[in-house]
Structure formats: C-alpha cells, structure tokens
N, C-alpha and C. Protein backbone atom coordinates (compact mmCIF):
# COMPACT_ATOMS: atom_id res chain seq x y z
N MET A 1 9.52 -52.29 -9.90
CA MET A 1 8.69 -52.82 -8.85
C MET A 1 9.41 -53.96 -8.13
N LEU A 2 9.47 -55.11 -8.79
CA LEU A 2 10.21 -56.23 -8.20
C LEU A 2 11.59 -56.26 -8.83
N ASP A 3 12.60 -56.34 -8.02
CA ASP A 3 13.96 -56.38 -8.54
C ASP A 3 14.36 -57.84 -8.77
N ILE A 4 13.97 -58.36 -9.92
CA ILE A 4 14.32 -59.74 -10.28
C ILE A 4 15.30 -59.68 -11.43
N GLY A 5 16.47 -60.21 -11.23
CA GLY A 5 17.48 -60.25 -12.28
C GLY A 5 17.26 -61.42 -13.22
N GLY A 6 18.08 -61.51 -14.25
CA GLY A 6 17.96 -62.57 -15.25
C GLY A 6 18.21 -63.95 -14.66
N SER A 7 19.22 -64.08 -13.81
CA SER A 7 19.52 -65.40 -13.22
C SER A 7 18.41 -65.84 -12.28
N GLU A 8 17.83 -64.91 -11.54
CA GLU A 8 16.74 -65.26 -10.63
C GLU A 8 15.52 -65.70 -11.41
N LEU A 9 15.22 -65.02 -12.52
CA LEU A 9 14.09 -65.39 -13.37
C LEU A 9 14.30 -66.79 -13.97
N LEU A 10 15.53 -67.08 -14.36
CA LEU A 10 15.83 -68.40 -14.91
C LEU A 10 15.63 -69.50 -13.87
N VAL A 11 16.01 -69.21 -12.62
CA VAL A 11 15.81 -70.19 -11.54
C VAL A 11 14.32 -70.42 -11.31
N ILE A 12 13.51 -69.37 -11.34
CA ILE A 12 12.06 -69.50 -11.13
C ILE A 12 11.44 -70.31 -12.26
N LEU A 13 11.86 -70.07 -13.50
CA LEU A 13 11.32 -70.83 -14.63
C LEU A 13 11.68 -72.32 -14.55
N VAL A 14 12.90 -72.63 -14.14
CA VAL A 14 13.32 -74.04 -14.01
C VAL A 14 12.49 -74.72 -12.92
N VAL A 15 12.28 -74.04 -11.78
CA VAL A 15 11.49 -74.63 -10.69
C VAL A 15 10.06 -74.83 -11.15
N ALA A 16 9.48 -73.86 -11.86
CA ALA A 16 8.11 -73.97 -12.34
C ALA A 16 7.99 -75.11 -13.33
N LEU A 17 9.00 -75.30 -14.22
CA LEU A 17 8.98 -76.39 -15.19
C LEU A 17 9.02 -77.75 -14.50
N VAL A 18 9.81 -77.82 -13.44
CA VAL A 18 9.92 -79.09 -12.72
C VAL A 18 8.64 -79.36 -11.94
N VAL A 19 8.08 -78.37 -11.27
CA VAL A 19 6.90 -78.57 -10.41
C VAL A 19 5.66 -78.77 -11.27
N LEU A 20 5.42 -77.91 -12.26
CA LEU A 20 4.19 -77.96 -13.03
C LEU A 20 4.28 -78.93 -14.22
N GLY A 21 5.40 -79.00 -14.76
CA GLY A 21 5.56 -79.86 -15.94
C GLY A 21 5.35 -79.05 -17.20
N PRO A 22 5.80 -79.62 -18.33
CA PRO A 22 5.73 -78.88 -19.58
C PRO A 22 4.30 -78.70 -20.09
N LYS A 23 3.41 -79.54 -19.67
CA LYS A 23 2.05 -79.46 -20.15
C LYS A 23 1.28 -78.30 -19.49
N GLU A 24 1.41 -78.04 -18.21
CA GLU A 24 0.68 -77.01 -17.47
C GLU A 24 1.40 -75.65 -17.44
N LEU A 25 2.66 -75.61 -17.85
CA LEU A 25 3.45 -74.37 -17.73
C LEU A 25 2.86 -73.21 -18.55
N PRO A 26 2.45 -73.37 -19.83
CA PRO A 26 1.88 -72.23 -20.57
C PRO A 26 0.61 -71.67 -19.91
N ALA A 27 -0.25 -72.50 -19.39
CA ALA A 27 -1.47 -72.02 -18.73
C ALA A 27 -1.11 -71.27 -17.45
N ALA A 28 -0.11 -71.74 -16.73
CA ALA A 28 0.32 -71.05 -15.50
C ALA A 28 0.92 -69.69 -15.82
N ILE A 29 1.70 -69.64 -16.93
CA ILE A 29 2.30 -68.34 -17.32
C ILE A 29 1.19 -67.36 -17.69
N ARG A 30 0.17 -67.80 -18.43
CA ARG A 30 -0.95 -66.93 -18.78
C ARG A 30 -1.67 -66.44 -17.52
N SER A 31 -1.88 -67.31 -16.59
CA SER A 31 -2.57 -66.96 -15.35
C SER A 31 -1.76 -65.95 -14.55
N VAL A 32 -0.45 -66.17 -14.44
CA VAL A 32 0.42 -65.24 -13.71
C VAL A 32 0.45 -63.87 -14.40
N SER A 33 0.55 -63.88 -15.75
CA SER A 33 0.59 -62.59 -16.47
C SER A 33 -0.74 -61.84 -16.30
N MET A 34 -1.89 -62.60 -16.29
CA MET A 34 -3.18 -61.95 -16.07
C MET A 34 -3.22 -61.29 -14.68
N TRP A 35 -2.75 -62.00 -13.66
CA TRP A 35 -2.73 -61.45 -12.31
C TRP A 35 -1.77 -60.26 -12.22
N MET A 36 -0.66 -60.31 -12.94
CA MET A 36 0.28 -59.17 -12.95
C MET A 36 -0.37 -57.93 -13.59
N ARG A 37 -1.08 -58.16 -14.73
CA ARG A 37 -1.78 -57.04 -15.37
C ARG A 37 -2.82 -56.44 -14.41
N ARG A 38 -3.55 -57.30 -13.73
CA ARG A 38 -4.58 -56.82 -12.79
C ARG A 38 -3.94 -56.05 -11.64
N ALA A 39 -2.80 -56.51 -11.14
CA ALA A 39 -2.10 -55.81 -10.05
C ALA A 39 -1.61 -54.44 -10.52
N ARG A 40 -1.10 -54.38 -11.77
CA ARG A 40 -0.65 -53.09 -12.31
C ARG A 40 -1.82 -52.12 -12.47
N GLU A 41 -2.97 -52.63 -12.96
CA GLU A 41 -4.16 -51.78 -13.08
C GLU A 41 -4.59 -51.22 -11.73
N LEU A 42 -4.59 -52.09 -10.72
CA LEU A 42 -4.96 -51.63 -9.37
C LEU A 42 -3.96 -50.60 -8.85
N ALA A 43 -2.66 -50.82 -9.13
CA ALA A 43 -1.64 -49.85 -8.70
C ALA A 43 -1.85 -48.51 -9.40
N ARG A 44 -2.16 -48.55 -10.73
CA ARG A 44 -2.44 -47.30 -11.46
C ARG A 44 -3.67 -46.60 -10.89
N GLU A 45 -4.73 -47.34 -10.60
CA GLU A 45 -5.94 -46.75 -10.02
C GLU A 45 -5.65 -46.12 -8.66
N PHE A 46 -4.89 -46.85 -7.86
CA PHE A 46 -4.54 -46.34 -6.54
C PHE A 46 -3.71 -45.06 -6.67
N GLN A 47 -2.71 -45.06 -7.58
CA GLN A 47 -1.89 -43.87 -7.80
C GLN A 47 -2.74 -42.72 -8.32
N GLY A 48 -3.68 -43.01 -9.22
CA GLY A 48 -4.59 -41.97 -9.73
C GLY A 48 -5.45 -41.39 -8.61
N GLY A 49 -5.92 -42.26 -7.70
CA GLY A 49 -6.71 -41.78 -6.56
C GLY A 49 -5.89 -40.87 -5.66
N LEU A 50 -4.63 -41.25 -5.42
CA LEU A 50 -3.76 -40.39 -4.61
C LEU A 50 -3.50 -39.05 -5.32
N ASP A 51 -3.32 -39.10 -6.64
CA ASP A 51 -3.13 -37.85 -7.39
C ASP A 51 -4.38 -36.97 -7.30
N ASP A 52 -5.56 -37.60 -7.37
CA ASP A 52 -6.81 -36.83 -7.25
C ASP A 52 -6.92 -36.18 -5.88
N ILE A 53 -6.56 -36.93 -4.85
CA ILE A 53 -6.61 -36.38 -3.48
C ILE A 53 -5.64 -35.21 -3.35
N ALA A 54 -4.44 -35.35 -3.94
CA ALA A 54 -3.46 -34.25 -3.89
C ALA A 54 -3.98 -33.03 -4.64
N ARG A 55 -4.61 -33.26 -5.81
CA ARG A 55 -5.17 -32.14 -6.58
C ARG A 55 -6.28 -31.45 -5.78
N GLU A 56 -7.13 -32.25 -5.15
CA GLU A 56 -8.22 -31.67 -4.36
C GLU A 56 -7.67 -30.87 -3.19
N ALA A 57 -6.62 -31.38 -2.56
CA ALA A 57 -6.00 -30.64 -1.46
C ALA A 57 -5.43 -29.32 -1.98
N GLU A 58 -4.81 -29.36 -3.16
CA GLU A 58 -4.25 -28.14 -3.75
C GLU A 58 -5.38 -27.17 -4.11
N ILE A 59 -6.48 -27.73 -4.63
CA ILE A 59 -7.63 -26.88 -4.97
C ILE A 59 -8.21 -26.25 -3.71
N GLU A 60 -8.31 -27.01 -2.63
CA GLU A 60 -8.80 -26.46 -1.36
C GLU A 60 -7.88 -25.36 -0.85
N LYS A 61 -6.58 -25.58 -1.00
CA LYS A 61 -5.62 -24.56 -0.59
C LYS A 61 -5.79 -23.29 -1.42
N LEU A 62 -5.96 -23.45 -2.74
CA LEU A 62 -6.18 -22.29 -3.60
C LEU A 62 -7.50 -21.59 -3.28
N LYS A 63 -8.53 -22.40 -2.96
CA LYS A 63 -9.81 -21.80 -2.57
C LYS A 63 -9.66 -20.97 -1.30
N ALA A 64 -8.91 -21.50 -0.34
CA ALA A 64 -8.69 -20.76 0.92
C ALA A 64 -7.94 -19.47 0.66
N GLU A 65 -6.91 -19.53 -0.20
CA GLU A 65 -6.17 -18.31 -0.54
C GLU A 65 -7.07 -17.31 -1.25
N PHE A 66 -7.93 -17.82 -2.15
CA PHE A 66 -8.84 -16.95 -2.87
C PHE A 66 -9.82 -16.28 -1.92
N ARG A 67 -10.35 -17.09 -0.97
CA ARG A 67 -11.27 -16.50 0.03
C ARG A 67 -10.57 -15.43 0.86
N ALA A 68 -9.31 -15.71 1.23
CA ALA A 68 -8.56 -14.72 2.01
C ALA A 68 -8.34 -13.44 1.20
N SER A 69 -8.03 -13.59 -0.07
CA SER A 69 -7.83 -12.40 -0.90
C SER A 69 -9.15 -11.66 -1.11
N MET A 70 -10.25 -12.42 -1.22
CA MET A 70 -11.55 -11.77 -1.34
C MET A 70 -11.89 -11.00 -0.06
N GLN A 71 -11.57 -11.59 1.09
CA GLN A 71 -11.80 -10.89 2.35
C GLN A 71 -10.94 -9.65 2.41
N ALA A 72 -9.69 -9.73 1.93
CA ALA A 72 -8.83 -8.55 1.92
C ALA A 72 -9.39 -7.49 0.98
N ASP A 73 -9.92 -7.91 -0.18
CA ASP A 73 -10.55 -6.96 -1.10
C ASP A 73 -11.79 -6.34 -0.47
N GLU A 74 -12.59 -7.17 0.22
CA GLU A 74 -13.77 -6.63 0.89
C GLU A 74 -13.39 -5.63 1.97
N LEU A 75 -12.32 -5.96 2.71
CA LEU A 75 -11.84 -5.04 3.75
C LEU A 75 -11.35 -3.75 3.12
N LYS A 76 -10.60 -3.87 2.02
CA LYS A 76 -10.10 -2.68 1.33
C LYS A 76 -11.27 -1.83 0.83
N ASN A 77 -12.29 -2.48 0.27
CA ASN A 77 -13.47 -1.74 -0.21
C ASN A 77 -14.21 -1.09 0.94
N ALA A 78 -14.31 -1.79 2.08
CA ALA A 78 -14.99 -1.21 3.25
C ALA A 78 -14.23 0.02 3.74
N ILE A 79 -12.91 -0.08 3.80
CA ILE A 79 -12.10 1.07 4.23
C ILE A 79 -12.27 2.21 3.24
N ARG A 80 -12.23 1.90 1.94
CA ARG A 80 -12.40 2.94 0.92
C ARG A 80 -13.76 3.61 1.06
N ASN A 81 -14.81 2.82 1.32
CA ASN A 81 -16.15 3.39 1.50
C ASN A 81 -16.21 4.28 2.74
N ASP A 82 -15.57 3.84 3.84
CA ASP A 82 -15.55 4.64 5.06
C ASP A 82 -14.82 5.96 4.83
N VAL A 83 -13.69 5.90 4.15
CA VAL A 83 -12.93 7.13 3.86
C VAL A 83 -13.75 8.05 2.99
N GLU A 84 -14.43 7.51 2.00
CA GLU A 84 -15.27 8.32 1.12
C GLU A 84 -16.42 8.95 1.91
N ALA A 85 -17.00 8.21 2.85
CA ALA A 85 -18.09 8.76 3.66
C ALA A 85 -17.59 9.90 4.54
N VAL A 86 -16.42 9.73 5.14
CA VAL A 86 -15.85 10.80 5.98
C VAL A 86 -15.51 12.01 5.12
N ARG A 87 -14.94 11.77 3.92
CA ARG A 87 -14.59 12.88 3.03
C ARG A 87 -15.84 13.65 2.63
N SER A 88 -16.90 12.93 2.23
CA SER A 88 -18.12 13.64 1.81
C SER A 88 -18.77 14.36 3.00
N ASP A 89 -18.70 13.77 4.21
CA ASP A 89 -19.25 14.43 5.39
C ASP A 89 -18.49 15.72 5.68
N LEU A 90 -17.16 15.65 5.62
CA LEU A 90 -16.36 16.86 5.83
C LEU A 90 -16.64 17.89 4.74
N GLU A 91 -16.75 17.43 3.53
CA GLU A 91 -17.02 18.34 2.42
C GLU A 91 -18.38 19.02 2.60
N ASN A 92 -19.38 18.27 3.07
CA ASN A 92 -20.70 18.85 3.29
C ASN A 92 -20.69 19.84 4.44
N ARG A 93 -19.86 19.59 5.45
CA ARG A 93 -19.81 20.52 6.58
C ARG A 93 -19.01 21.78 6.25
N ILE A 94 -17.91 21.61 5.51
CA ILE A 94 -17.05 22.76 5.21
C ILE A 94 -17.58 23.56 4.03
N ASP A 95 -18.04 22.89 2.99
CA ASP A 95 -18.45 23.57 1.76
C ASP A 95 -19.81 23.05 1.32
N PRO A 96 -20.89 23.39 2.07
CA PRO A 96 -22.20 22.84 1.72
C PRO A 96 -22.70 23.31 0.35
N GLY A 97 -22.36 24.51 -0.07
CA GLY A 97 -22.84 25.04 -1.36
C GLY A 97 -21.94 24.66 -2.51
N ARG A 98 -20.85 23.98 -2.25
CA ARG A 98 -19.88 23.55 -3.25
C ARG A 98 -19.21 24.72 -3.98
N GLU A 99 -19.15 25.92 -3.32
CA GLU A 99 -18.49 27.05 -3.97
C GLU A 99 -16.98 26.83 -4.05
N ILE A 100 -16.41 26.34 -2.96
CA ILE A 100 -14.96 26.12 -2.94
C ILE A 100 -14.60 25.04 -3.96
N ARG A 101 -15.36 23.96 -3.97
CA ARG A 101 -15.09 22.87 -4.93
C ARG A 101 -15.18 23.40 -6.36
N GLY A 102 -16.21 24.19 -6.63
CA GLY A 102 -16.37 24.74 -7.98
C GLY A 102 -15.23 25.67 -8.35
N ALA A 103 -14.78 26.47 -7.38
CA ALA A 103 -13.67 27.38 -7.67
C ALA A 103 -12.38 26.62 -7.91
N LEU A 104 -12.19 25.52 -7.19
CA LEU A 104 -10.95 24.76 -7.36
C LEU A 104 -11.00 23.89 -8.62
N ASP A 105 -12.16 23.40 -8.99
CA ASP A 105 -12.27 22.52 -10.14
C ASP A 105 -12.31 23.27 -11.46
N ALA A 106 -12.85 24.49 -11.43
CA ALA A 106 -12.99 25.25 -12.67
C ALA A 106 -11.62 25.73 -13.16
N PRO A 107 -11.35 25.59 -14.44
CA PRO A 107 -10.08 26.11 -14.96
C PRO A 107 -10.12 27.63 -14.98
N PRO A 108 -9.04 28.28 -14.64
CA PRO A 108 -9.06 29.74 -14.62
C PRO A 108 -9.22 30.28 -16.04
N ASP A 109 -10.16 31.25 -16.19
CA ASP A 109 -10.38 31.82 -17.52
C ASP A 109 -9.43 32.99 -17.77
N ARG A 110 -8.74 33.42 -16.75
CA ARG A 110 -7.72 34.46 -16.92
C ARG A 110 -6.64 34.24 -15.87
N PRO A 111 -5.50 34.87 -16.02
CA PRO A 111 -4.42 34.67 -15.05
C PRO A 111 -4.83 35.14 -13.66
N VAL A 112 -4.18 34.61 -12.67
CA VAL A 112 -4.49 34.99 -11.29
C VAL A 112 -4.20 36.47 -11.08
N TYR A 113 -3.09 36.96 -11.61
CA TYR A 113 -2.76 38.38 -11.49
C TYR A 113 -2.82 38.99 -12.87
N ASP A 114 -3.76 39.90 -13.04
CA ASP A 114 -3.88 40.61 -14.31
C ASP A 114 -3.57 42.08 -14.05
N PRO A 115 -2.52 42.63 -14.66
CA PRO A 115 -2.15 44.03 -14.38
C PRO A 115 -3.28 45.01 -14.72
N GLU A 116 -4.06 44.75 -15.76
CA GLU A 116 -5.15 45.66 -16.11
C GLU A 116 -6.19 45.72 -14.99
N ILE A 117 -6.56 44.56 -14.46
CA ILE A 117 -7.54 44.52 -13.38
C ILE A 117 -6.96 45.18 -12.13
N ALA A 118 -5.69 45.01 -11.86
CA ALA A 118 -5.06 45.64 -10.70
C ALA A 118 -5.11 47.16 -10.82
N ARG A 119 -4.88 47.70 -12.04
CA ARG A 119 -4.96 49.16 -12.22
C ARG A 119 -6.39 49.64 -12.02
N GLU A 120 -7.39 48.92 -12.51
CA GLU A 120 -8.79 49.31 -12.34
C GLU A 120 -9.19 49.30 -10.87
N ILE A 121 -8.73 48.30 -10.15
CA ILE A 121 -9.05 48.22 -8.73
C ILE A 121 -8.41 49.37 -7.98
N ALA A 122 -7.19 49.75 -8.34
CA ALA A 122 -6.51 50.85 -7.66
C ALA A 122 -7.24 52.17 -7.91
N LYS A 123 -7.85 52.36 -9.08
CA LYS A 123 -8.56 53.59 -9.40
C LYS A 123 -9.95 53.65 -8.77
N THR A 124 -10.57 52.53 -8.52
CA THR A 124 -11.93 52.46 -8.01
C THR A 124 -11.94 52.73 -6.51
N PRO A 125 -12.82 53.65 -6.03
CA PRO A 125 -12.90 53.89 -4.59
C PRO A 125 -13.53 52.68 -3.90
N PRO A 126 -13.14 52.47 -2.67
CA PRO A 126 -13.71 51.31 -1.97
C PRO A 126 -15.21 51.49 -1.75
N GLU A 127 -15.93 50.39 -1.79
CA GLU A 127 -17.38 50.42 -1.65
C GLU A 127 -17.83 50.14 -0.23
N HIS A 128 -16.92 50.02 0.67
CA HIS A 128 -17.27 49.71 2.04
C HIS A 128 -16.66 50.74 2.97
N ASP A 129 -17.04 50.69 4.23
CA ASP A 129 -16.63 51.71 5.19
C ASP A 129 -15.34 51.36 5.93
N ILE A 130 -14.53 50.52 5.40
CA ILE A 130 -13.29 50.18 6.08
C ILE A 130 -12.28 51.27 5.77
N PRO A 131 -11.72 51.91 6.82
CA PRO A 131 -10.77 52.99 6.55
C PRO A 131 -9.51 52.44 5.89
N ALA A 132 -8.94 53.26 5.04
CA ALA A 132 -7.72 52.85 4.36
C ALA A 132 -6.58 52.79 5.38
N ILE A 133 -5.70 51.93 5.18
CA ILE A 133 -4.57 51.78 6.09
C ILE A 133 -3.52 52.82 5.72
N ALA A 134 -3.17 53.65 6.70
CA ALA A 134 -2.18 54.71 6.46
C ALA A 134 -0.80 54.08 6.48
N PRO A 135 0.10 54.60 5.68
CA PRO A 135 1.46 54.07 5.71
C PRO A 135 2.08 54.37 7.07
N PRO A 136 2.99 53.56 7.52
CA PRO A 136 3.59 53.79 8.83
C PRO A 136 4.33 55.13 8.86
N ALA A 137 4.19 55.81 10.01
CA ALA A 137 4.85 57.12 10.17
C ALA A 137 6.35 56.89 10.26
N ALA A 138 7.08 57.91 9.82
CA ALA A 138 8.54 57.81 9.86
C ALA A 138 8.97 57.85 11.32
N ARG A 139 9.88 57.03 11.69
CA ARG A 139 10.37 56.98 13.06
C ARG A 139 11.46 58.02 13.25
N PRO A 140 11.44 58.60 14.39
CA PRO A 140 12.55 59.52 14.67
C PRO A 140 13.83 58.71 14.86
N PRO A 141 14.95 59.26 14.55
CA PRO A 141 16.20 58.51 14.71
C PRO A 141 16.41 58.17 16.19
N GLU A 142 16.90 57.01 16.43
CA GLU A 142 17.16 56.58 17.80
C GLU A 142 18.38 57.31 18.33
N PRO A 143 18.31 57.74 19.60
CA PRO A 143 19.47 58.46 20.15
C PRO A 143 20.65 57.50 20.30
N GLY A 144 21.78 57.96 19.92
CA GLY A 144 22.98 57.16 20.05
C GLY A 144 23.61 57.37 21.42
N PRO A 145 24.74 56.82 21.68
CA PRO A 145 25.40 57.03 22.97
C PRO A 145 25.85 58.48 23.12
N VAL A 146 25.63 59.00 24.30
CA VAL A 146 26.00 60.40 24.58
C VAL A 146 27.48 60.46 24.93
N ALA A 147 28.18 61.39 24.29
CA ALA A 147 29.62 61.52 24.56
C ALA A 147 29.83 62.44 25.75
N GLU A 148 30.75 62.09 26.63
CA GLU A 148 31.10 62.94 27.78
C GLU A 148 31.91 64.11 27.27
N THR A 149 31.55 65.27 27.68
CA THR A 149 32.25 66.45 27.17
C THR A 149 33.22 67.04 28.18
N GLY A 150 33.23 66.69 29.31
CA GLY A 150 34.16 67.24 30.30
C GLY A 150 33.78 68.64 30.76
N ALA A 151 32.55 69.08 30.43
CA ALA A 151 32.11 70.41 30.87
C ALA A 151 31.82 70.36 32.36
N PRO A 152 32.03 71.41 33.04
CA PRO A 152 31.75 71.42 34.47
C PRO A 152 30.25 71.31 34.71
N LYS A 153 29.92 70.62 35.78
CA LYS A 153 28.52 70.42 36.11
C LYS A 153 27.98 71.69 36.75
N THR A 154 26.74 71.90 36.47
CA THR A 154 26.09 73.07 37.04
C THR A 154 25.53 72.72 38.40
N ALA A 155 25.08 73.72 39.11
CA ALA A 155 24.59 73.53 40.45
C ALA A 155 23.30 72.73 40.47
N ASP A 156 22.52 72.83 39.39
CA ASP A 156 21.27 72.08 39.40
C ASP A 156 21.47 70.61 39.08
N GLN A 157 22.70 70.19 38.67
CA GLN A 157 23.00 68.77 38.46
C GLN A 157 23.67 68.25 39.71
N PRO A 158 23.11 67.31 40.37
CA PRO A 158 23.75 66.79 41.59
C PRO A 158 25.01 66.01 41.23
N ALA A 159 25.94 66.02 42.12
CA ALA A 159 27.19 65.29 41.93
C ALA A 159 26.94 63.82 42.17
N ARG A 160 27.63 63.01 41.47
CA ARG A 160 27.47 61.57 41.64
C ARG A 160 28.30 61.14 42.81
N ALA A 161 27.80 60.12 43.47
CA ALA A 161 28.52 59.64 44.64
C ALA A 161 29.79 58.95 44.22
N GLY A 162 30.85 59.23 44.90
CA GLY A 162 32.12 58.59 44.64
C GLY A 162 32.91 59.25 43.54
N THR A 163 32.43 60.36 42.99
CA THR A 163 33.22 61.07 41.97
C THR A 163 33.63 62.43 42.50
N ALA A 164 34.80 62.83 42.16
CA ALA A 164 35.29 64.15 42.64
C ALA A 164 34.91 65.19 41.63
N SER A 165 34.46 66.34 42.17
CA SER A 165 34.12 67.40 41.24
C SER A 165 35.10 68.50 41.30
C-alpha cells in the first residue's frame, strides 16, 4: 500500500518522538494503528463490494446467455413441432387409412420373392378381364444395301439422267 522503507520509518519515529515526547508516543502509536486497522477494514469491504458487483455482472451475463439458449431451444422446439404438423398433415392426405405405414412398419413374414408363390401365380388363371400381353412378334430382317449387278435395264425402268445406257 504505502511504500515506506526502513530509513523513512526511522525518520518518522524520530520526528514523532521529538514532537510528541516520550510520554504521549505510545498512545499516539495505538491511535495510529487503530486508524490503520480501520482503513484496512474499509479497503477490504470496498474490495468485497467490487467483487460482489463483478460477480453480479457475471451472473447477469450468464442469465442472458441462458435466456438466449432457452429462446434457441424454444425456436428449435417450435420448428420441430411445425415439421411434425406438416408431416402428419401429409401423412393424413397421402395415407389416411395408414395402409402404407402399416405395410412399411410391419416386418415381412416371408421373403419378398418366394419361388413357390411365383409358381402358383403362374398356374392360376387371371381373375380379371385384362388381356394377356402377347410376346413381341419376330421382326423381319432389315434389307441390307442392294448390290449393283450390271444387268441391262429393261424398257419399263427409266434411264437415269446423266447416265449412259
């Protein structure tokens, strides 16, 4: 606090001894020490008050961060609720009887392709009036390039312009 060295303290004591005298010096030292103790107590109280103010400011800052995170959580929950409402609305419009949901959620009790069932279906005549699809007809071979044979043209074939016959 006060930067008083040993020599400075000795000078103060000599001046106090000369001014006050040996009879009043002990009472003056007690009085000064009492005032020093009181000043230190006030300094500690003041420092404690500043620490309390700093803690309160930190608490207010943490409260503000907490409120912001709560608002973010509320926003996240609101978005989640909106998405859930849209999902259920779409689900009600697309699959009102929940048949698709039930088919997708239920574990399959047999494989998707069962050869036995496929053979039974192939043997069973169709129960509806949809005509069976006929296999595609065989295509005739496509004509390839015609080779010139050099045979003389007949009278019913006209001569081409610019060619000698």
